[in-house]
Amino acid sequence: MPITNQQVAGHAFLQQMYDDSYFPDHVVDRGKEILLRLCERIEAERPSDLESLYTLTQAATEEFNLLDSEFVAAGSEIETVAREWICDEFCLVASAYEFTEADAEELTAGRDW
């Protein structure tokens, strides 16, 4: 399903990670796919409140938890700076879908990174 929200459709997700050679592009690609799937799910399921949104973001957070082992296997990791970049992307997604009151910590609660 193509993303219809123009703010996220035209956004270069995780660009800072692509720009930093510490993070292997093929693993960052997987992170970008997680964020795009999150957008697709938001558009398909149309959460009506923050709790419904948090359910979707928690599923995406779990995918990032699993992805961290791929970063480690590739000689990298989701460290402090990357964590902030990823959390910023979750906030951007929430805002793009008009969940401006979303709590940044709640969006990625349950993260292992």
Protein backbone atom coordinates (compact mmCIF):
# COMPACT_ATOMS: atom_id res chain seq x y z
CA MET A 1 0.00 0.00 0.00
CA PRO A 2 1.58 3.30 -1.02
CA ILE A 3 1.83 5.93 1.68
CA THR A 4 -0.52 8.84 1.01
CA ASN A 5 0.70 11.24 3.71
CA GLN A 6 2.97 13.57 1.77
CA GLN A 7 4.99 14.60 4.81
CA VAL A 8 6.22 11.06 5.41
CA ALA A 9 6.16 9.89 1.80
CA GLY A 10 8.73 12.52 0.91
CA HIS A 11 10.81 12.15 4.08
CA ALA A 12 14.29 10.61 4.01
CA PHE A 13 13.97 8.36 7.06
CA LEU A 14 17.15 7.76 9.09
CA GLN A 15 19.23 10.00 6.83
CA GLN A 16 21.67 10.78 9.65
CA MET A 17 22.39 7.08 10.01
CA TYR A 18 22.96 6.73 6.27
CA ASP A 19 25.36 9.69 6.46
CA ASP A 20 27.40 8.04 9.23
CA SER A 21 29.62 5.18 8.05
CA TYR A 22 29.38 3.54 11.50
CA PHE A 23 25.91 2.32 10.55
CA PRO A 24 25.83 -0.20 7.67
CA ASP A 25 23.38 0.90 5.00
CA HIS A 26 21.87 -2.56 4.56
CA VAL A 27 20.87 -2.61 8.24
CA VAL A 28 19.68 1.01 8.17
CA ASP A 29 17.55 0.02 5.17
CA ARG A 30 15.76 -2.45 7.44
CA GLY A 31 15.12 0.32 9.98
CA LYS A 32 13.71 2.53 7.25
CA GLU A 33 11.42 -0.34 6.21
CA ILE A 34 10.16 -0.62 9.81
CA LEU A 35 9.25 3.07 9.84
CA LEU A 36 7.55 2.87 6.44
CA ARG A 37 5.53 -0.16 7.58
CA LEU A 38 4.51 1.83 10.66
CA CYS A 39 3.21 4.59 8.38
CA GLU A 40 1.36 2.05 6.25
CA ARG A 41 -0.25 0.54 9.35
CA ILE A 42 -1.30 3.96 10.62
CA GLU A 43 -2.91 4.72 7.27
CA ALA A 44 -4.60 1.32 7.06
CA GLU A 45 -5.81 1.11 10.66
CA ARG A 46 -6.40 4.82 11.28
CA PRO A 47 -5.88 4.86 15.06
CA SER A 48 -8.41 7.14 16.70
CA ASP A 49 -6.50 7.92 19.89
CA LEU A 50 -3.03 7.92 21.40
CA GLU A 51 -3.41 4.47 22.96
CA SER A 52 -4.17 2.99 19.55
CA LEU A 53 -1.19 4.81 18.07
CA TYR A 54 1.07 3.57 20.88
CA THR A 55 0.03 0.00 20.12
CA LEU A 56 1.30 0.45 16.58
CA THR A 57 4.51 2.21 17.61
CA GLN A 58 5.22 -0.49 20.19
CA ALA A 59 5.12 -3.13 17.47
CA ALA A 60 7.60 -1.07 15.44
CA THR A 61 9.76 -0.60 18.53
CA GLU A 62 9.88 -4.38 18.98
CA GLU A 63 11.10 -4.69 15.40
CA PHE A 64 13.90 -2.21 16.19
CA ASN A 65 14.74 -4.27 19.30
CA LEU A 66 15.33 -7.25 17.02
CA LEU A 67 17.19 -5.13 14.49
CA ASP A 68 19.74 -4.09 17.10
CA SER A 69 21.29 -7.57 16.96
CA GLU A 70 21.79 -7.12 13.21
CA PHE A 71 23.60 -3.85 13.86
CA VAL A 72 25.81 -5.64 16.41
CA ALA A 73 26.52 -8.48 13.98
CA ALA A 74 27.59 -5.87 11.42
CA GLY A 75 29.99 -4.22 13.90
CA SER A 76 27.66 -1.41 14.92
CA GLU A 77 24.87 -0.85 17.43
CA ILE A 78 21.95 1.41 18.19
CA GLU A 79 23.83 3.68 20.56
CA THR A 80 22.87 6.98 22.17
CA VAL A 81 22.96 9.17 19.07
CA ALA A 82 21.19 6.62 16.89
CA ARG A 83 18.56 6.13 19.60
CA GLU A 84 17.79 9.85 19.49
CA TRP A 85 17.61 9.84 15.69
CA ILE A 86 15.24 6.87 15.66
CA CYS A 87 13.06 8.39 18.38
CA ASP A 88 12.93 11.64 16.38
CA GLU A 89 11.60 9.66 13.42
CA PHE A 90 8.85 8.14 15.57
CA CYS A 91 7.93 11.67 16.71
CA LEU A 92 7.87 12.89 13.12
CA VAL A 93 5.53 10.06 12.15
CA ALA A 94 3.19 10.79 15.05
CA SER A 95 3.12 14.49 14.19
CA ALA A 96 2.59 13.83 10.48
CA TYR A 97 -0.53 11.86 11.34
CA GLU A 98 -1.76 14.65 13.62
CA PHE A 99 -0.89 13.00 16.93
CA THR A 100 0.87 16.15 18.10
CA GLU A 101 0.24 15.31 21.76
CA ALA A 102 2.08 11.99 21.54
CA ASP A 103 4.68 11.49 24.25
CA ALA A 104 8.14 10.83 22.80
CA GLU A 105 8.95 8.26 25.48
CA GLU A 106 5.66 6.43 25.08
CA LEU A 107 6.14 6.13 21.32
CA THR A 108 9.17 3.88 21.88
CA ALA A 109 8.44 2.52 25.35
CA GLY A 110 9.78 -1.00 25.60
CA ARG A 111 12.88 -0.29 23.57
CA ASP A 112 16.02 -2.24 24.39
CA TRP A 113 18.32 0.25 22.70
